[in-house]
Amino acid sequence: MTQQERHEAIVELVKRQGYASIEQLARDFDVTPQTVRRDLNQLAEEGIVKRVHGGAGLESSTVNTAYHTRKTLNLDAKRRIAEMLASHIPDSSSLFINIGTSNEFIAEALCQHSGLEVITNNLNVAAILQHKTDFNVIVAGGQVRSRDGGIIGEATIDFINQFKVDYGIIGISGIDGDGSLLEFDYQEVRVAQAILRNSRQVFLAADHSKFHRNAVVRQGNLSQINAFFTDRQPPDGLRRLMREHDVALYVADPSISADIEPLPAHAG
């Protein structure tokens, strides 16, 4: 069993039980307690599990990690994902970009493009793109969340519904084993659902820490998107779901040669 496979199995076990001790994990995976501690510390740093005395438990399903903490998590992975996704956006396209730290990295990567029209409910994305004189950046109206610059509410949904764009770029807080896309804020989810409805193609950007992460509100399902950009191979169940629904999978893995693009999930 590789380290990545062990990490996925640990997360599954913690999710099933709600808590797992270092002793249990060392016994179940036939590794030393020191190895388990390193595994749990890494998973906790990535925001996947909550490190508690003697083991690990689940992160809260009702309260998201603070914005400034999320901004610093998995930086290299987010940058790789952003660059790969941006490479699939043609110049002179129209697009939505919603709330999320991954989407802010995508906005930075898109600054190399020309002639984009961007509608966003993320003040941080608008600030990143505002200096591009050849871009048309449109900011949705609504209530501004002070904690992360996200814009939400009924006015935001009404505004989004006025457009039909080429690409909708969305982030997510968690992806459940059945493909459910999960978030913490009901109002944020309603705006994201409007983006899904009004985009010709939907691109999801999420690093591996979102696999099987708990969040309380269901936004949609992986089957509703056209392409998923991440930094590690998703668990088998998610890959199977993507193959069934022709969702293209792009893995921004540094071990993959730069001149070889990961195959779409349905290509086998």
C-alpha atoms as a PDB file:
ATOM      1  CA  MET A   1       0.000   0.000   0.000  1.00  0.00           C
ATOM      2  CA  THR A   2       1.370   3.390  -1.005  1.00  0.00           C
ATOM      3  CA  GLN A   3       1.263   6.396   1.290  1.00  0.00           C
ATOM      4  CA  GLN A   4      -1.517   7.951  -0.793  1.00  0.00           C
ATOM      5  CA  GLU A   5      -3.583   4.758  -0.624  1.00  0.00           C
ATOM      6  CA  ARG A   6      -3.040   4.596   3.136  1.00  0.00           C
ATOM      7  CA  HIS A   7      -4.114   8.221   3.523  1.00  0.00           C
ATOM      8  CA  GLU A   8      -7.310   7.540   1.569  1.00  0.00           C
ATOM      9  CA  ALA A   9      -8.021   4.452   3.673  1.00  0.00           C
ATOM     10  CA  ILE A  10      -7.412   6.414   6.907  1.00  0.00           C
ATOM     11  CA  VAL A  11      -9.848   9.108   5.812  1.00  0.00           C
ATOM     12  CA  GLU A  12     -12.467   6.491   4.928  1.00  0.00           C
ATOM     13  CA  LEU A  13     -12.045   4.826   8.315  1.00  0.00           C
ATOM     14  CA  VAL A  14     -12.218   8.109  10.249  1.00  0.00           C
ATOM     15  CA  LYS A  15     -15.295   9.110   8.277  1.00  0.00           C
ATOM     16  CA  ARG A  16     -16.987   5.783   8.985  1.00  0.00           C
ATOM     17  CA  GLN A  17     -16.181   5.753  12.714  1.00  0.00           C
ATOM     18  CA  GLY A  18     -16.004   9.476  13.462  1.00  0.00           C
ATOM     19  CA  TYR A  19     -12.702   8.928  15.287  1.00  0.00           C
ATOM     20  CA  ALA A  20      -9.709   6.613  15.011  1.00  0.00           C
ATOM     21  CA  SER A  21      -6.853   6.192  17.458  1.00  0.00           C
ATOM     22  CA  ILE A  22      -3.183   6.004  16.548  1.00  0.00           C
ATOM     23  CA  GLU A  23      -3.042   2.498  18.004  1.00  0.00           C
ATOM     24  CA  GLN A  24      -5.947   1.270  15.876  1.00  0.00           C
ATOM     25  CA  LEU A  25      -4.520   2.788  12.702  1.00  0.00           C
ATOM     26  CA  ALA A  26      -1.061   1.366  13.338  1.00  0.00           C
ATOM     27  CA  ARG A  27      -2.575  -2.077  13.858  1.00  0.00           C
ATOM     28  CA  ASP A  28      -4.973  -1.894  10.893  1.00  0.00           C
ATOM     29  CA  PHE A  29      -2.314  -0.717   8.426  1.00  0.00           C
ATOM     30  CA  ASP A  30       0.622  -2.611   9.908  1.00  0.00           C
ATOM     31  CA  VAL A  31       2.804   0.488  10.314  1.00  0.00           C
ATOM     32  CA  THR A  32       4.493   2.106  13.296  1.00  0.00           C
ATOM     33  CA  PRO A  33       2.741   4.671  15.515  1.00  0.00           C
ATOM     34  CA  GLN A  34       5.315   7.207  14.322  1.00  0.00           C
ATOM     35  CA  THR A  35       4.217   6.645  10.718  1.00  0.00           C
ATOM     36  CA  VAL A  36       0.579   7.093  11.709  1.00  0.00           C
ATOM     37  CA  ARG A  37       1.392  10.349  13.525  1.00  0.00           C
ATOM     38  CA  ARG A  38       3.110  11.670  10.399  1.00  0.00           C
ATOM     39  CA  ASP A  39       0.126  10.600   8.296  1.00  0.00           C
ATOM     40  CA  LEU A  40      -2.370  12.289  10.617  1.00  0.00           C
ATOM     41  CA  ASN A  41      -0.309  15.458  10.909  1.00  0.00           C
ATOM     42  CA  GLN A  42      -0.137  15.741   7.129  1.00  0.00           C
ATOM     43  CA  LEU A  43      -3.865  15.085   6.695  1.00  0.00           C
ATOM     44  CA  ALA A  44      -4.626  17.656   9.402  1.00  0.00           C
ATOM     45  CA  GLU A  45      -2.375  20.250   7.753  1.00  0.00           C
ATOM     46  CA  GLU A  46      -4.307  19.725   4.536  1.00  0.00           C
ATOM     47  CA  GLY A  47      -7.590  20.227   6.372  1.00  0.00           C
ATOM     48  CA  ILE A  48      -8.861  16.700   5.715  1.00  0.00           C
ATOM     49  CA  VAL A  49      -9.077  15.405   9.305  1.00  0.00           C
ATOM     50  CA  LYS A  50      -8.992  17.050  12.709  1.00  0.00           C
ATOM     51  CA  ARG A  51      -6.004  16.089  14.855  1.00  0.00           C
ATOM     52  CA  VAL A  52      -7.056  15.286  18.404  1.00  0.00           C
ATOM     53  CA  HIS A  53      -5.220  13.757  21.343  1.00  0.00           C
ATOM     54  CA  GLY A  54      -4.329  10.148  20.577  1.00  0.00           C
ATOM     55  CA  GLY A  55      -5.768  10.059  17.066  1.00  0.00           C
ATOM     56  CA  ALA A  56      -7.917  11.933  14.568  1.00  0.00           C
ATOM     57  CA  GLY A  57     -11.556  12.845  14.052  1.00  0.00           C
ATOM     58  CA  LEU A  58     -13.694  14.497  11.421  1.00  0.00           C
ATOM     59  CA  GLU A  59     -13.502  18.173  10.565  1.00  0.00           C
ATOM     60  CA  SER A  60     -16.703  20.076  11.255  1.00  0.00           C
ATOM     61  CA  SER A  61     -19.408  19.655   8.605  1.00  0.00           C
ATOM     62  CA  THR A  62     -21.036  22.982   9.566  1.00  0.00           C
ATOM     63  CA  VAL A  63     -18.101  25.414   9.904  1.00  0.00           C
ATOM     64  CA  ASN A  64     -15.509  25.961   7.188  1.00  0.00           C
ATOM     65  CA  THR A  65     -11.821  26.514   7.868  1.00  0.00           C
ATOM     66  CA  ALA A  66     -10.997  30.225   8.163  1.00  0.00           C
ATOM     67  CA  TYR A  67     -10.346  31.970   4.832  1.00  0.00           C
ATOM     68  CA  HIS A  68      -6.794  33.046   5.679  1.00  0.00           C
ATOM     69  CA  THR A  69      -5.948  29.469   6.690  1.00  0.00           C
ATOM     70  CA  ARG A  70      -7.447  28.037   3.476  1.00  0.00           C
ATOM     71  CA  LYS A  71      -5.493  30.593   1.461  1.00  0.00           C
ATOM     72  CA  THR A  72      -2.222  29.021   2.643  1.00  0.00           C
ATOM     73  CA  LEU A  73      -3.193  25.335   2.324  1.00  0.00           C
ATOM     74  CA  ASN A  74      -1.845  23.252  -0.584  1.00  0.00           C
ATOM     75  CA  LEU A  75      -0.423  26.288  -2.398  1.00  0.00           C
ATOM     76  CA  ASP A  76       1.651  24.369  -4.949  1.00  0.00           C
ATOM     77  CA  ALA A  77      -1.253  22.073  -5.795  1.00  0.00           C
ATOM     78  CA  LYS A  78      -3.629  25.005  -6.263  1.00  0.00           C
ATOM     79  CA  ARG A  79      -1.170  26.806  -8.539  1.00  0.00           C
ATOM     80  CA  ARG A  80      -0.688  23.703 -10.685  1.00  0.00           C
ATOM     81  CA  ILE A  81      -4.433  23.168 -10.939  1.00  0.00           C
ATOM     82  CA  ALA A  82      -4.965  26.839 -11.809  1.00  0.00           C
ATOM     83  CA  GLU A  83      -2.390  26.804 -14.586  1.00  0.00           C
ATOM     84  CA  MET A  84      -3.811  23.602 -16.091  1.00  0.00           C
ATOM     85  CA  LEU A  85      -7.393  24.842 -16.000  1.00  0.00           C
ATOM     86  CA  ALA A  86      -6.441  28.244 -17.448  1.00  0.00           C
ATOM     87  CA  SER A  87      -4.760  26.470 -20.373  1.00  0.00           C
ATOM     88  CA  HIS A  88      -8.216  25.110 -21.352  1.00  0.00           C
ATOM     89  CA  ILE A  89      -9.832  28.564 -21.505  1.00  0.00           C
ATOM     90  CA  PRO A  90      -9.551  30.159 -24.972  1.00  0.00           C
ATOM     91  CA  ASP A  91      -8.882  33.879 -25.363  1.00  0.00           C
ATOM     92  CA  SER A  92     -11.991  36.035 -25.887  1.00  0.00           C
ATOM     93  CA  SER A  93     -14.196  33.657 -23.871  1.00  0.00           C
ATOM     94  CA  SER A  94     -16.952  34.551 -21.417  1.00  0.00           C
ATOM     95  CA  LEU A  95     -16.925  32.954 -17.984  1.00  0.00           C
ATOM     96  CA  PHE A  96     -18.245  32.906 -14.459  1.00  0.00           C
ATOM     97  CA  ILE A  97     -15.804  32.539 -11.551  1.00  0.00           C
ATOM     98  CA  ASN A  98     -17.311  31.925  -8.127  1.00  0.00           C
ATOM     99  CA  ILE A  99     -16.104  32.003  -4.535  1.00  0.00           C
ATOM    100  CA  GLY A 100     -13.032  30.091  -3.329  1.00  0.00           C
ATOM    101  CA  THR A 101      -9.301  30.338  -2.819  1.00  0.00           C
ATOM    102  CA  SER A 102      -8.585  27.963  -5.721  1.00  0.00           C
ATOM    103  CA  ASN A 103     -10.519  30.283  -7.995  1.00  0.00           C
ATOM    104  CA  GLU A 104      -8.338  33.196  -6.945  1.00  0.00           C
ATOM    105  CA  PHE A 105      -5.292  31.293  -8.166  1.00  0.00           C
ATOM    106  CA  ILE A 106      -7.174  30.590 -11.399  1.00  0.00           C
ATOM    107  CA  ALA A 107      -7.838  34.316 -11.798  1.00  0.00           C
ATOM    108  CA  GLU A 108      -4.093  34.946 -11.495  1.00  0.00           C
ATOM    109  CA  ALA A 109      -3.358  32.310 -14.146  1.00  0.00           C
ATOM    110  CA  LEU A 110      -5.964  33.842 -16.474  1.00  0.00           C
ATOM    111  CA  CYS A 111      -4.097  37.147 -16.456  1.00  0.00           C
ATOM    112  CA  GLN A 112      -1.957  35.671 -19.249  1.00  0.00           C
ATOM    113  CA  HIS A 113      -5.053  35.568 -21.488  1.00  0.00           C
ATOM    114  CA  SER A 114      -6.579  38.306 -23.596  1.00  0.00           C
ATOM    115  CA  GLY A 115     -10.085  39.520 -24.303  1.00  0.00           C
ATOM    116  CA  LEU A 116     -11.928  37.656 -21.537  1.00  0.00           C
ATOM    117  CA  GLU A 117     -15.309  38.679 -20.189  1.00  0.00           C
ATOM    118  CA  VAL A 118     -15.538  37.607 -16.552  1.00  0.00           C
ATOM    119  CA  ILE A 119     -18.618  37.716 -14.323  1.00  0.00           C
ATOM    120  CA  THR A 120     -17.765  37.021 -10.693  1.00  0.00           C
ATOM    121  CA  ASN A 121     -19.276  37.090  -7.222  1.00  0.00           C
ATOM    122  CA  ASN A 122     -15.782  37.090  -5.694  1.00  0.00           C
ATOM    123  CA  LEU A 123     -14.310  40.506  -4.857  1.00  0.00           C
ATOM    124  CA  ASN A 124     -10.825  39.003  -4.602  1.00  0.00           C
ATOM    125  CA  VAL A 125     -11.093  37.660  -8.164  1.00  0.00           C
ATOM    126  CA  ALA A 126     -12.282  41.076  -9.386  1.00  0.00           C
ATOM    127  CA  ALA A 127      -9.325  42.765  -7.668  1.00  0.00           C
ATOM    128  CA  ILE A 128      -6.865  40.351  -9.316  1.00  0.00           C
ATOM    129  CA  LEU A 129      -8.335  40.921 -12.800  1.00  0.00           C
ATOM    130  CA  GLN A 130      -9.060  44.652 -12.602  1.00  0.00           C
ATOM    131  CA  HIS A 131      -5.661  45.646 -14.022  1.00  0.00           C
ATOM    132  CA  LYS A 132      -6.229  43.753 -17.284  1.00  0.00           C
ATOM    133  CA  THR A 133      -7.352  46.555 -19.576  1.00  0.00           C
ATOM    134  CA  ASP A 134      -8.452  44.125 -22.311  1.00  0.00           C
ATOM    135  CA  PHE A 135     -10.740  42.224 -19.916  1.00  0.00           C
ATOM    136  CA  ASN A 136     -14.340  43.135 -19.194  1.00  0.00           C
ATOM    137  CA  VAL A 137     -14.837  42.315 -15.499  1.00  0.00           C
ATOM    138  CA  ILE A 138     -18.394  42.400 -14.167  1.00  0.00           C
ATOM    139  CA  VAL A 139     -19.050  42.106 -10.426  1.00  0.00           C
ATOM    140  CA  ALA A 140     -22.356  40.675  -9.242  1.00  0.00           C
ATOM    141  CA  GLY A 141     -24.476  42.672  -6.858  1.00  0.00           C
ATOM    142  CA  GLY A 142     -25.546  41.362  -3.487  1.00  0.00           C
ATOM    143  CA  GLN A 143     -24.427  40.941   0.109  1.00  0.00           C
ATOM    144  CA  VAL A 144     -20.650  40.929   0.662  1.00  0.00           C
ATOM    145  CA  ARG A 145     -19.306  38.370   3.141  1.00  0.00           C
ATOM    146  CA  SER A 146     -16.662  40.155   5.168  1.00  0.00           C
ATOM    147  CA  ARG A 147     -14.710  36.985   5.903  1.00  0.00           C
ATOM    148  CA  ASP A 148     -13.745  36.205   2.293  1.00  0.00           C
ATOM    149  CA  GLY A 149     -15.106  38.816  -0.130  1.00  0.00           C
ATOM    150  CA  GLY A 150     -17.789  36.509  -1.491  1.00  0.00           C
ATOM    151  CA  ILE A 151     -21.036  38.060  -2.778  1.00  0.00           C
ATOM    152  CA  ILE A 152     -24.236  36.136  -2.082  1.00  0.00           C
ATOM    153  CA  GLY A 153     -27.998  36.535  -1.826  1.00  0.00           C
ATOM    154  CA  GLU A 154     -31.102  36.771  -3.989  1.00  0.00           C
ATOM    155  CA  ALA A 155     -29.809  39.824  -5.868  1.00  0.00           C
ATOM    156  CA  THR A 156     -26.689  37.845  -6.814  1.00  0.00           C
ATOM    157  CA  ILE A 157     -28.756  34.955  -8.187  1.00  0.00           C
ATOM    158  CA  ASP A 158     -30.952  37.347 -10.199  1.00  0.00           C
ATOM    159  CA  PHE A 159     -27.825  38.966 -11.623  1.00  0.00           C
ATOM    160  CA  ILE A 160     -26.223  35.640 -12.617  1.00  0.00           C
ATOM    161  CA  ASN A 161     -29.455  34.558 -14.325  1.00  0.00           C
ATOM    162  CA  GLN A 162     -29.115  37.420 -16.825  1.00  0.00           C
ATOM    163  CA  PHE A 163     -26.106  35.762 -18.497  1.00  0.00           C
ATOM    164  CA  LYS A 164     -25.269  32.660 -20.521  1.00  0.00           C
ATOM    165  CA  VAL A 165     -21.495  32.170 -20.666  1.00  0.00           C
ATOM    166  CA  ASP A 166     -19.008  29.810 -22.302  1.00  0.00           C
ATOM    167  CA  TYR A 167     -17.437  28.522 -19.075  1.00  0.00           C
ATOM    168  CA  GLY A 168     -18.450  28.375 -15.435  1.00  0.00           C
ATOM    169  CA  ILE A 169     -15.482  27.910 -13.080  1.00  0.00           C
ATOM    170  CA  ILE A 170     -16.491  26.708  -9.629  1.00  0.00           C
ATOM    171  CA  GLY A 171     -14.740  25.615  -6.470  1.00  0.00           C
ATOM    172  CA  ILE A 172     -16.055  23.383  -3.724  1.00  0.00           C
ATOM    173  CA  SER A 173     -15.504  22.646  -0.037  1.00  0.00           C
ATOM    174  CA  GLY A 174     -15.952  18.887  -0.242  1.00  0.00           C
ATOM    175  CA  ILE A 175     -16.738  15.985  -2.580  1.00  0.00           C
ATOM    176  CA  ASP A 176     -18.565  13.041  -1.039  1.00  0.00           C
ATOM    177  CA  GLY A 177     -18.057   9.440  -2.105  1.00  0.00           C
ATOM    178  CA  ASP A 178     -21.277   9.474  -4.172  1.00  0.00           C
ATOM    179  CA  GLY A 179     -20.068  12.502  -6.140  1.00  0.00           C
ATOM    180  CA  SER A 180     -22.043  15.088  -4.167  1.00  0.00           C
ATOM    181  CA  LEU A 181     -20.456  18.551  -4.320  1.00  0.00           C
ATOM    182  CA  LEU A 182     -20.671  20.023  -0.840  1.00  0.00           C
ATOM    183  CA  GLU A 183     -20.474  23.499   0.689  1.00  0.00           C
ATOM    184  CA  PHE A 184     -21.021  25.123   4.075  1.00  0.00           C
ATOM    185  CA  ASP A 185     -23.172  28.139   3.145  1.00  0.00           C
ATOM    186  CA  TYR A 186     -26.676  27.658   1.712  1.00  0.00           C
ATOM    187  CA  GLN A 187     -26.686  31.095   0.083  1.00  0.00           C
ATOM    188  CA  GLU A 188     -23.330  30.453  -1.590  1.00  0.00           C
ATOM    189  CA  VAL A 189     -24.677  27.156  -2.924  1.00  0.00           C
ATOM    190  CA  ARG A 190     -27.698  28.829  -4.518  1.00  0.00           C
ATOM    191  CA  VAL A 191     -25.423  31.233  -6.409  1.00  0.00           C
ATOM    192  CA  ALA A 192     -23.209  28.346  -7.551  1.00  0.00           C
ATOM    193  CA  GLN A 193     -26.288  26.464  -8.769  1.00  0.00           C
ATOM    194  CA  ALA A 194     -27.239  29.497 -10.870  1.00  0.00           C
ATOM    195  CA  ILE A 195     -23.745  29.420 -12.372  1.00  0.00           C
ATOM    196  CA  LEU A 196     -24.187  25.721 -13.207  1.00  0.00           C
ATOM    197  CA  ARG A 197     -27.471  26.457 -14.981  1.00  0.00           C
ATOM    198  CA  ASN A 198     -26.103  29.357 -17.011  1.00  0.00           C
ATOM    199  CA  SER A 199     -22.777  27.933 -18.228  1.00  0.00           C
ATOM    200  CA  ARG A 200     -22.318  26.015 -21.477  1.00  0.00           C
ATOM    201  CA  GLN A 201     -19.425  24.114 -19.887  1.00  0.00           C
ATOM    202  CA  VAL A 202     -18.632  23.800 -16.177  1.00  0.00           C
ATOM    203  CA  PHE A 203     -15.072  23.342 -14.887  1.00  0.00           C
ATOM    204  CA  LEU A 204     -14.566  22.238 -11.272  1.00  0.00           C
ATOM    205  CA  ALA A 205     -11.249  22.987  -9.544  1.00  0.00           C
ATOM    206  CA  ALA A 206     -10.494  21.162  -6.286  1.00  0.00           C
ATOM    207  CA  ASP A 207      -7.311  19.820  -4.743  1.00  0.00           C
ATOM    208  CA  HIS A 208      -7.134  16.362  -3.180  1.00  0.00           C
ATOM    209  CA  SER A 209      -7.991  17.627   0.315  1.00  0.00           C
ATOM    210  CA  LYS A 210     -11.610  17.988  -0.854  1.00  0.00           C
ATOM    211  CA  PHE A 211     -12.044  14.249  -1.529  1.00  0.00           C
ATOM    212  CA  HIS A 212     -14.501  12.888   1.061  1.00  0.00           C
ATOM    213  CA  ARG A 213     -14.421  16.143   3.071  1.00  0.00           C
ATOM    214  CA  ASN A 214     -17.588  16.812   5.048  1.00  0.00           C
ATOM    215  CA  ALA A 215     -19.792  19.854   4.466  1.00  0.00           C
ATOM    216  CA  VAL A 216     -23.445  20.218   5.253  1.00  0.00           C
ATOM    217  CA  VAL A 217     -25.036  21.683   2.080  1.00  0.00           C
ATOM    218  CA  ARG A 218     -25.318  19.805  -1.214  1.00  0.00           C
ATOM    219  CA  GLN A 219     -24.544  22.014  -4.222  1.00  0.00           C
ATOM    220  CA  GLY A 220     -24.787  19.419  -6.969  1.00  0.00           C
ATOM    221  CA  ASN A 221     -23.019  16.352  -8.275  1.00  0.00           C
ATOM    222  CA  LEU A 222     -19.878  15.567 -10.241  1.00  0.00           C
ATOM    223  CA  SER A 223     -22.127  14.276 -13.017  1.00  0.00           C
ATOM    224  CA  GLN A 224     -23.223  17.885 -13.703  1.00  0.00           C
ATOM    225  CA  ILE A 225     -19.790  19.169 -14.675  1.00  0.00           C
ATOM    226  CA  ASN A 226     -17.821  18.828 -17.896  1.00  0.00           C
ATOM    227  CA  ALA A 227     -14.273  18.709 -16.549  1.00  0.00           C
ATOM    228  CA  PHE A 228     -12.628  18.197 -13.168  1.00  0.00           C
ATOM    229  CA  PHE A 229      -9.176  19.673 -12.471  1.00  0.00           C
ATOM    230  CA  THR A 230      -7.293  18.340  -9.453  1.00  0.00           C
ATOM    231  CA  ASP A 231      -3.785  17.420  -8.311  1.00  0.00           C
ATOM    232  CA  ARG A 232      -4.127  13.700  -7.528  1.00  0.00           C
ATOM    233  CA  GLN A 233      -6.075  10.788  -8.931  1.00  0.00           C
ATOM    234  CA  PRO A 234      -9.508  10.762  -7.247  1.00  0.00           C
ATOM    235  CA  PRO A 235     -10.687   7.648  -5.398  1.00  0.00           C
ATOM    236  CA  ASP A 236     -11.945   4.807  -7.607  1.00  0.00           C
ATOM    237  CA  GLY A 237     -15.621   5.502  -6.917  1.00  0.00           C
ATOM    238  CA  LEU A 238     -15.361   9.094  -8.095  1.00  0.00           C
ATOM    239  CA  ARG A 239     -13.410   8.083 -11.191  1.00  0.00           C
ATOM    240  CA  ARG A 240     -16.058   5.491 -12.014  1.00  0.00           C
ATOM    241  CA  LEU A 241     -18.790   8.130 -11.697  1.00  0.00           C
ATOM    242  CA  MET A 242     -16.881  10.486 -14.002  1.00  0.00           C
ATOM    243  CA  ARG A 243     -16.441   7.774 -16.625  1.00  0.00           C
ATOM    244  CA  GLU A 244     -20.180   7.013 -16.515  1.00  0.00           C
ATOM    245  CA  HIS A 245     -21.056  10.664 -17.149  1.00  0.00           C
ATOM    246  CA  ASP A 246     -18.240  11.583 -19.562  1.00  0.00           C
ATOM    247  CA  VAL A 247     -16.612  14.033 -17.161  1.00  0.00           C
ATOM    248  CA  ALA A 248     -13.070  14.808 -18.328  1.00  0.00           C
ATOM    249  CA  LEU A 249     -10.417  14.394 -15.633  1.00  0.00           C
ATOM    250  CA  TYR A 250      -7.221  16.488 -15.622  1.00  0.00           C
ATOM    251  CA  VAL A 251      -4.637  15.766 -12.931  1.00  0.00           C
ATOM    252  CA  ALA A 252      -2.005  18.458 -12.384  1.00  0.00           C
ATOM    253  CA  ASP A 253       0.582  15.997 -11.114  1.00  0.00           C
ATOM    254  CA  PRO A 254       4.253  17.092 -11.374  1.00  0.00           C
ATOM    255  CA  SER A 255       5.251  13.477 -12.054  1.00  0.00           C
ATOM    256  CA  ILE A 256       3.379  13.662 -15.375  1.00  0.00           C
ATOM    257  CA  SER A 257       5.485  14.970 -18.252  1.00  0.00           C
ATOM    258  CA  ALA A 258       4.666  18.584 -19.127  1.00  0.00           C
ATOM    259  CA  ASP A 259       4.013  17.698 -22.757  1.00  0.00           C
ATOM    260  CA  ILE A 260       1.525  14.947 -21.986  1.00  0.00           C
ATOM    261  CA  GLU A 261      -2.011  15.965 -21.068  1.00  0.00           C
ATOM    262  CA  PRO A 262      -3.878  13.637 -18.708  1.00  0.00           C
ATOM    263  CA  LEU A 263      -6.512  11.655 -20.570  1.00  0.00           C
ATOM    264  CA  PRO A 264     -10.214  12.353 -20.034  1.00  0.00           C
ATOM    265  CA  ALA A 265     -11.770   9.975 -17.518  1.00  0.00           C
ATOM    266  CA  HIS A 266     -13.996   8.367 -20.174  1.00  0.00           C
ATOM    267  CA  ALA A 267     -10.952   7.454 -22.246  1.00  0.00           C
ATOM    268  CA  GLY A 268     -10.163   4.753 -19.745  1.00  0.00           C
END
